[in-house]
Amino acid sequence: MLIMKKTIKLVIPVLGFLIVMSCDTKTYEDISDAKPITETVTYNKNVKTIIDNNCVVCHSATGSNPYFPLTDYKAVKNSIDNIMDRIQRANGDPLKMPQGGTLSQDNINMIIKWKADGLLEN
C-alpha cells in the first residue's frame, strides 16, 4: 500500500505536466484560411470595390437609405467606425450590414486594415 501511494504521488504530477505540455495554443491566424494583409490598403485600390458591391445599392441617392450615402471616399472615411461596427455584428443581429447578407472575413479584414493603415485614399 505504501508503494502504491508513493507511485500515485509521483505519477499524478508527471501526468499533469504531460497534459499541460501537450496543450497547443493556436491563434486565429494559425487556424484560419484568412491570409494576412501585408500591403498597405487604400480606398481606391482595395475598399471602394467592397463598398460599391455591398453597400451602395442601399446607401446612395436612389437606395433605401439615401440619408447615409457611402458613394465616395469622404463619406466612407467619415463613417468608418459605424461601418466597422455594423459589418462585424453577429449573424442575426438586425443592425448587421449588409442587410440580408454578410461580408466575407477577407473583406472585413481589408476594411479593418484600411483603418489601421490610416484610411488612405490612393
N, C-alpha and C. Protein backbone atom coordinates (compact mmCIF):
# COMPACT_ATOMS: atom_id res chain seq x y z
N MET A 1 0.83 -1.19 0.00
CA MET A 1 0.00 0.00 0.00
C MET A 1 0.87 1.25 0.00
N LEU A 2 1.97 1.23 0.74
CA LEU A 2 2.87 2.37 0.81
C LEU A 2 3.51 2.64 -0.54
N ILE A 3 3.87 1.58 -1.23
CA ILE A 3 4.48 1.73 -2.56
C ILE A 3 3.46 2.34 -3.53
N MET A 4 2.21 1.93 -3.42
CA MET A 4 1.16 2.45 -4.29
C MET A 4 0.95 3.94 -4.06
N LYS A 5 0.95 4.39 -2.82
CA LYS A 5 0.78 5.81 -2.51
C LYS A 5 1.94 6.62 -3.08
N LYS A 6 3.16 6.11 -2.93
CA LYS A 6 4.33 6.82 -3.46
C LYS A 6 4.28 6.88 -4.98
N THR A 7 3.82 5.80 -5.60
CA THR A 7 3.71 5.77 -7.06
C THR A 7 2.68 6.79 -7.53
N ILE A 8 1.53 6.83 -6.86
CA ILE A 8 0.49 7.79 -7.22
C ILE A 8 0.99 9.22 -7.04
N LYS A 9 1.70 9.49 -5.96
CA LYS A 9 2.25 10.83 -5.71
C LYS A 9 3.23 11.23 -6.81
N LEU A 10 3.92 10.27 -7.38
CA LEU A 10 4.87 10.54 -8.45
C LEU A 10 4.16 10.65 -9.80
N VAL A 11 3.19 9.78 -10.03
CA VAL A 11 2.52 9.70 -11.33
C VAL A 11 1.64 10.93 -11.58
N ILE A 12 0.91 11.38 -10.59
CA ILE A 12 -0.02 12.50 -10.77
C ILE A 12 0.71 13.76 -11.24
N PRO A 13 1.79 14.20 -10.60
CA PRO A 13 2.47 15.39 -11.12
C PRO A 13 3.04 15.18 -12.53
N VAL A 14 3.54 13.99 -12.81
CA VAL A 14 4.08 13.71 -14.14
C VAL A 14 2.96 13.78 -15.18
N LEU A 15 1.82 13.16 -14.88
CA LEU A 15 0.69 13.22 -15.80
C LEU A 15 0.21 14.66 -16.00
N GLY A 16 0.12 15.39 -14.92
CA GLY A 16 -0.27 16.81 -15.02
C GLY A 16 0.67 17.58 -15.91
N PHE A 17 1.96 17.37 -15.74
CA PHE A 17 2.97 18.04 -16.56
C PHE A 17 2.79 17.65 -18.03
N LEU A 18 2.59 16.38 -18.30
CA LEU A 18 2.42 15.93 -19.69
C LEU A 18 1.16 16.50 -20.33
N ILE A 19 0.10 16.59 -19.56
CA ILE A 19 -1.15 17.17 -20.09
C ILE A 19 -0.94 18.63 -20.44
N VAL A 20 -0.34 19.37 -19.53
CA VAL A 20 -0.09 20.79 -19.78
C VAL A 20 0.81 20.99 -20.99
N MET A 21 1.83 20.18 -21.10
CA MET A 21 2.77 20.32 -22.21
C MET A 21 2.15 19.91 -23.55
N SER A 22 1.13 19.07 -23.50
CA SER A 22 0.51 18.62 -24.75
C SER A 22 -0.50 19.63 -25.27
N CYS A 23 -0.90 20.58 -24.46
CA CYS A 23 -1.83 21.61 -24.91
C CYS A 23 -1.13 22.48 -25.95
N ASP A 24 -1.84 22.76 -27.00
CA ASP A 24 -1.28 23.55 -28.09
C ASP A 24 -2.17 24.76 -28.30
N THR A 25 -1.64 25.92 -28.03
CA THR A 25 -2.39 27.13 -28.22
C THR A 25 -2.10 27.70 -29.60
N LYS A 26 -3.17 27.89 -30.36
CA LYS A 26 -3.02 28.46 -31.70
C LYS A 26 -3.83 29.73 -31.78
N THR A 27 -3.32 30.67 -32.52
CA THR A 27 -4.04 31.92 -32.72
C THR A 27 -5.03 31.75 -33.87
N TYR A 28 -5.92 32.71 -34.01
CA TYR A 28 -6.87 32.70 -35.12
C TYR A 28 -6.14 32.61 -36.45
N GLU A 29 -5.04 33.34 -36.57
CA GLU A 29 -4.28 33.35 -37.81
C GLU A 29 -3.71 31.97 -38.13
N ASP A 30 -3.36 31.20 -37.09
CA ASP A 30 -2.81 29.86 -37.29
C ASP A 30 -3.84 28.89 -37.85
N ILE A 31 -5.09 29.02 -37.43
CA ILE A 31 -6.11 28.06 -37.82
C ILE A 31 -7.03 28.58 -38.91
N SER A 32 -6.92 29.83 -39.27
CA SER A 32 -7.81 30.43 -40.24
C SER A 32 -7.24 30.33 -41.65
N ASP A 33 -8.15 30.31 -42.60
CA ASP A 33 -7.75 30.37 -44.01
C ASP A 33 -7.46 31.80 -44.43
N ALA A 34 -7.80 32.76 -43.58
CA ALA A 34 -7.58 34.17 -43.91
C ALA A 34 -6.09 34.43 -44.05
N LYS A 35 -5.75 35.07 -45.12
CA LYS A 35 -4.35 35.40 -45.37
C LYS A 35 -4.05 36.77 -44.79
N PRO A 36 -2.91 36.93 -44.13
CA PRO A 36 -2.58 38.25 -43.60
C PRO A 36 -2.41 39.25 -44.74
N ILE A 37 -2.84 40.46 -44.49
CA ILE A 37 -2.73 41.52 -45.50
C ILE A 37 -1.42 42.24 -45.23
N THR A 38 -0.48 42.08 -46.12
CA THR A 38 0.84 42.68 -45.92
C THR A 38 0.99 44.00 -46.63
N GLU A 39 0.18 44.25 -47.65
CA GLU A 39 0.28 45.51 -48.39
C GLU A 39 -0.46 46.63 -47.66
N THR A 40 -0.10 47.86 -47.99
CA THR A 40 -0.84 49.00 -47.46
C THR A 40 -2.18 49.05 -48.19
N VAL A 41 -3.25 49.16 -47.43
CA VAL A 41 -4.60 49.16 -48.01
C VAL A 41 -5.04 50.61 -48.24
N THR A 42 -5.58 50.87 -49.43
CA THR A 42 -6.12 52.19 -49.74
C THR A 42 -7.57 52.06 -50.19
N TYR A 43 -8.28 53.15 -50.11
CA TYR A 43 -9.69 53.16 -50.51
C TYR A 43 -9.83 52.80 -51.98
N ASN A 44 -9.15 53.52 -52.85
CA ASN A 44 -9.33 53.31 -54.29
C ASN A 44 -8.88 51.92 -54.75
N LYS A 45 -7.81 51.41 -54.18
CA LYS A 45 -7.26 50.14 -54.63
C LYS A 45 -7.99 48.94 -54.03
N ASN A 46 -8.46 49.05 -52.77
CA ASN A 46 -8.96 47.87 -52.08
C ASN A 46 -10.39 47.98 -51.54
N VAL A 47 -10.76 49.12 -51.02
CA VAL A 47 -12.01 49.24 -50.25
C VAL A 47 -13.19 49.66 -51.12
N LYS A 48 -12.97 50.50 -52.09
CA LYS A 48 -14.06 51.04 -52.92
C LYS A 48 -14.88 49.92 -53.54
N THR A 49 -14.25 48.91 -54.08
CA THR A 49 -14.97 47.79 -54.70
C THR A 49 -15.85 47.06 -53.69
N ILE A 50 -15.35 46.86 -52.49
CA ILE A 50 -16.13 46.20 -51.44
C ILE A 50 -17.38 47.02 -51.14
N ILE A 51 -17.20 48.32 -50.96
CA ILE A 51 -18.32 49.21 -50.65
C ILE A 51 -19.30 49.26 -51.82
N ASP A 52 -18.77 49.44 -53.03
CA ASP A 52 -19.63 49.52 -54.22
C ASP A 52 -20.46 48.25 -54.41
N ASN A 53 -19.85 47.08 -54.17
CA ASN A 53 -20.54 45.81 -54.40
C ASN A 53 -21.50 45.41 -53.29
N ASN A 54 -21.34 45.98 -52.10
CA ASN A 54 -22.12 45.51 -50.96
C ASN A 54 -22.94 46.58 -50.24
N CYS A 55 -22.63 47.85 -50.45
CA CYS A 55 -23.26 48.90 -49.64
C CYS A 55 -24.03 49.94 -50.45
N VAL A 56 -23.50 50.28 -51.60
CA VAL A 56 -24.04 51.41 -52.37
C VAL A 56 -25.45 51.14 -52.87
N VAL A 57 -25.82 49.88 -53.06
CA VAL A 57 -27.17 49.58 -53.53
C VAL A 57 -28.22 50.20 -52.59
N CYS A 58 -27.94 50.24 -51.31
CA CYS A 58 -28.85 50.88 -50.34
C CYS A 58 -28.39 52.28 -49.96
N HIS A 59 -27.09 52.44 -49.83
CA HIS A 59 -26.54 53.71 -49.32
C HIS A 59 -26.12 54.62 -50.47
N SER A 60 -27.14 55.07 -51.22
CA SER A 60 -26.93 56.02 -52.31
C SER A 60 -28.21 56.85 -52.47
N ALA A 61 -28.16 57.84 -53.33
CA ALA A 61 -29.31 58.73 -53.52
C ALA A 61 -30.56 57.97 -53.96
N THR A 62 -30.39 56.88 -54.69
CA THR A 62 -31.54 56.11 -55.16
C THR A 62 -31.80 54.86 -54.33
N GLY A 63 -31.00 54.63 -53.30
CA GLY A 63 -31.15 53.44 -52.47
C GLY A 63 -32.16 53.62 -51.35
N SER A 64 -32.30 52.59 -50.55
CA SER A 64 -33.28 52.61 -49.45
C SER A 64 -32.82 53.46 -48.27
N ASN A 65 -31.55 53.84 -48.23
CA ASN A 65 -31.03 54.68 -47.16
C ASN A 65 -30.24 55.85 -47.75
N PRO A 66 -30.94 56.77 -48.44
CA PRO A 66 -30.23 57.88 -49.09
C PRO A 66 -29.67 58.90 -48.10
N TYR A 67 -30.06 58.81 -46.83
CA TYR A 67 -29.58 59.77 -45.83
C TYR A 67 -28.23 59.37 -45.26
N PHE A 68 -27.76 58.19 -45.63
CA PHE A 68 -26.46 57.70 -45.16
C PHE A 68 -25.69 57.17 -46.37
N PRO A 69 -25.36 58.08 -47.31
CA PRO A 69 -24.70 57.62 -48.54
C PRO A 69 -23.26 57.16 -48.28
N LEU A 70 -22.86 56.15 -49.03
CA LEU A 70 -21.48 55.64 -48.97
C LEU A 70 -20.93 55.58 -50.39
N THR A 71 -21.10 56.68 -51.11
CA THR A 71 -20.79 56.68 -52.53
C THR A 71 -19.43 57.28 -52.87
N ASP A 72 -18.71 57.79 -51.88
CA ASP A 72 -17.39 58.35 -52.18
C ASP A 72 -16.46 58.19 -50.98
N TYR A 73 -15.20 58.45 -51.24
CA TYR A 73 -14.15 58.27 -50.23
C TYR A 73 -14.46 59.01 -48.94
N LYS A 74 -14.81 60.28 -49.04
CA LYS A 74 -15.02 61.10 -47.84
C LYS A 74 -16.16 60.54 -46.98
N ALA A 75 -17.24 60.13 -47.61
CA ALA A 75 -18.38 59.60 -46.86
C ALA A 75 -18.01 58.29 -46.15
N VAL A 76 -17.29 57.42 -46.84
CA VAL A 76 -16.89 56.15 -46.23
C VAL A 76 -15.88 56.39 -45.11
N LYS A 77 -14.93 57.26 -45.36
CA LYS A 77 -13.91 57.57 -44.34
C LYS A 77 -14.58 58.14 -43.08
N ASN A 78 -15.51 59.07 -43.26
CA ASN A 78 -16.17 59.70 -42.11
C ASN A 78 -17.09 58.74 -41.36
N SER A 79 -17.47 57.65 -42.00
CA SER A 79 -18.40 56.69 -41.38
C SER A 79 -17.71 55.39 -40.98
N ILE A 80 -16.40 55.35 -41.00
CA ILE A 80 -15.68 54.09 -40.81
C ILE A 80 -16.02 53.38 -39.50
N ASP A 81 -16.14 54.11 -38.42
CA ASP A 81 -16.43 53.45 -37.14
C ASP A 81 -17.81 52.79 -37.16
N ASN A 82 -18.78 53.47 -37.73
CA ASN A 82 -20.13 52.91 -37.85
C ASN A 82 -20.12 51.71 -38.80
N ILE A 83 -19.42 51.82 -39.90
CA ILE A 83 -19.32 50.72 -40.86
C ILE A 83 -18.70 49.50 -40.19
N MET A 84 -17.59 49.71 -39.50
CA MET A 84 -16.91 48.58 -38.85
C MET A 84 -17.80 47.94 -37.79
N ASP A 85 -18.53 48.75 -37.05
CA ASP A 85 -19.44 48.21 -36.05
C ASP A 85 -20.50 47.33 -36.72
N ARG A 86 -21.08 47.82 -37.80
CA ARG A 86 -22.18 47.11 -38.46
C ARG A 86 -21.73 45.83 -39.17
N ILE A 87 -20.59 45.85 -39.82
CA ILE A 87 -20.17 44.67 -40.58
C ILE A 87 -19.63 43.56 -39.69
N GLN A 88 -19.28 43.89 -38.44
CA GLN A 88 -18.73 42.89 -37.53
C GLN A 88 -19.75 42.35 -36.54
N ARG A 89 -20.99 42.77 -36.65
CA ARG A 89 -22.02 42.27 -35.74
C ARG A 89 -22.32 40.80 -36.04
N ALA A 90 -22.88 40.13 -35.07
CA ALA A 90 -23.20 38.70 -35.21
C ALA A 90 -24.32 38.49 -36.22
N ASN A 91 -24.26 37.35 -36.90
CA ASN A 91 -25.35 36.99 -37.80
C ASN A 91 -26.65 36.95 -37.00
N GLY A 92 -27.70 37.45 -37.58
CA GLY A 92 -28.99 37.50 -36.89
C GLY A 92 -29.25 38.83 -36.20
N ASP A 93 -28.22 39.63 -35.97
CA ASP A 93 -28.40 40.96 -35.39
C ASP A 93 -29.07 41.83 -36.45
N PRO A 94 -30.20 42.45 -36.13
CA PRO A 94 -30.91 43.24 -37.14
C PRO A 94 -30.13 44.47 -37.62
N LEU A 95 -29.10 44.86 -36.90
CA LEU A 95 -28.29 46.01 -37.33
C LEU A 95 -27.06 45.60 -38.12
N LYS A 96 -26.88 44.30 -38.33
CA LYS A 96 -25.73 43.82 -39.11
C LYS A 96 -25.89 44.25 -40.56
N MET A 97 -24.80 44.67 -41.13
CA MET A 97 -24.78 45.07 -42.54
C MET A 97 -23.78 44.21 -43.29
N PRO A 98 -24.00 44.00 -44.56
CA PRO A 98 -25.16 44.43 -45.34
C PRO A 98 -26.40 43.62 -44.96
N GLN A 99 -27.56 44.26 -45.09
CA GLN A 99 -28.81 43.60 -44.74
C GLN A 99 -29.01 42.38 -45.61
N GLY A 100 -29.43 41.32 -45.00
CA GLY A 100 -29.71 40.10 -45.73
C GLY A 100 -28.47 39.33 -46.16
N GLY A 101 -27.30 39.73 -45.67
CA GLY A 101 -26.09 39.04 -46.07
C GLY A 101 -24.95 39.35 -45.12
N THR A 102 -23.79 39.03 -45.56
CA THR A 102 -22.61 39.31 -44.75
C THR A 102 -21.41 39.45 -45.66
N LEU A 103 -20.46 40.24 -45.25
CA LEU A 103 -19.20 40.34 -45.98
C LEU A 103 -18.34 39.14 -45.63
N SER A 104 -17.49 38.76 -46.55
CA SER A 104 -16.53 37.70 -46.24
C SER A 104 -15.57 38.22 -45.18
N GLN A 105 -14.96 37.30 -44.45
CA GLN A 105 -13.99 37.72 -43.44
C GLN A 105 -12.81 38.43 -44.10
N ASP A 106 -12.45 38.03 -45.32
CA ASP A 106 -11.37 38.72 -46.04
C ASP A 106 -11.73 40.17 -46.30
N ASN A 107 -12.98 40.44 -46.70
CA ASN A 107 -13.41 41.82 -46.94
C ASN A 107 -13.46 42.62 -45.65
N ILE A 108 -13.94 42.00 -44.59
CA ILE A 108 -13.96 42.69 -43.29
C ILE A 108 -12.53 43.00 -42.86
N ASN A 109 -11.63 42.04 -43.00
CA ASN A 109 -10.23 42.26 -42.64
C ASN A 109 -9.61 43.38 -43.48
N MET A 110 -9.99 43.49 -44.74
CA MET A 110 -9.47 44.54 -45.61
C MET A 110 -9.90 45.92 -45.09
N ILE A 111 -11.14 46.04 -44.68
CA ILE A 111 -11.64 47.32 -44.15
C ILE A 111 -10.96 47.64 -42.82
N ILE A 112 -10.79 46.65 -41.97
CA ILE A 112 -10.08 46.86 -40.70
C ILE A 112 -8.66 47.31 -40.96
N LYS A 113 -7.99 46.68 -41.90
CA LYS A 113 -6.60 47.04 -42.23
C LYS A 113 -6.54 48.44 -42.83
N TRP A 114 -7.53 48.82 -43.63
CA TRP A 114 -7.58 50.16 -44.21
C TRP A 114 -7.58 51.20 -43.08
N LYS A 115 -8.41 50.97 -42.08
CA LYS A 115 -8.43 51.90 -40.96
C LYS A 115 -7.08 51.91 -40.23
N ALA A 116 -6.54 50.74 -40.00
CA ALA A 116 -5.25 50.64 -39.30
C ALA A 116 -4.12 51.32 -40.09
N ASP A 117 -4.22 51.30 -41.41
CA ASP A 117 -3.22 51.92 -42.26
C ASP A 117 -3.40 53.44 -42.41
N GLY A 118 -4.46 53.97 -41.83
CA GLY A 118 -4.64 55.43 -41.84
C GLY A 118 -5.70 55.95 -42.78
N LEU A 119 -6.59 55.07 -43.27
CA LEU A 119 -7.70 55.49 -44.14
C LEU A 119 -7.21 56.25 -45.38
N LEU A 120 -6.19 55.72 -46.02
CA LEU A 120 -5.60 56.36 -47.20
C LEU A 120 -6.54 56.26 -48.39
N GLU A 121 -6.55 57.33 -49.21
CA GLU A 121 -7.42 57.33 -50.39
C GLU A 121 -6.78 56.61 -51.56
N ASN A 122 -5.54 56.97 -51.88
CA ASN A 122 -4.85 56.36 -53.04
C ASN A 122 -3.68 55.54 -52.61
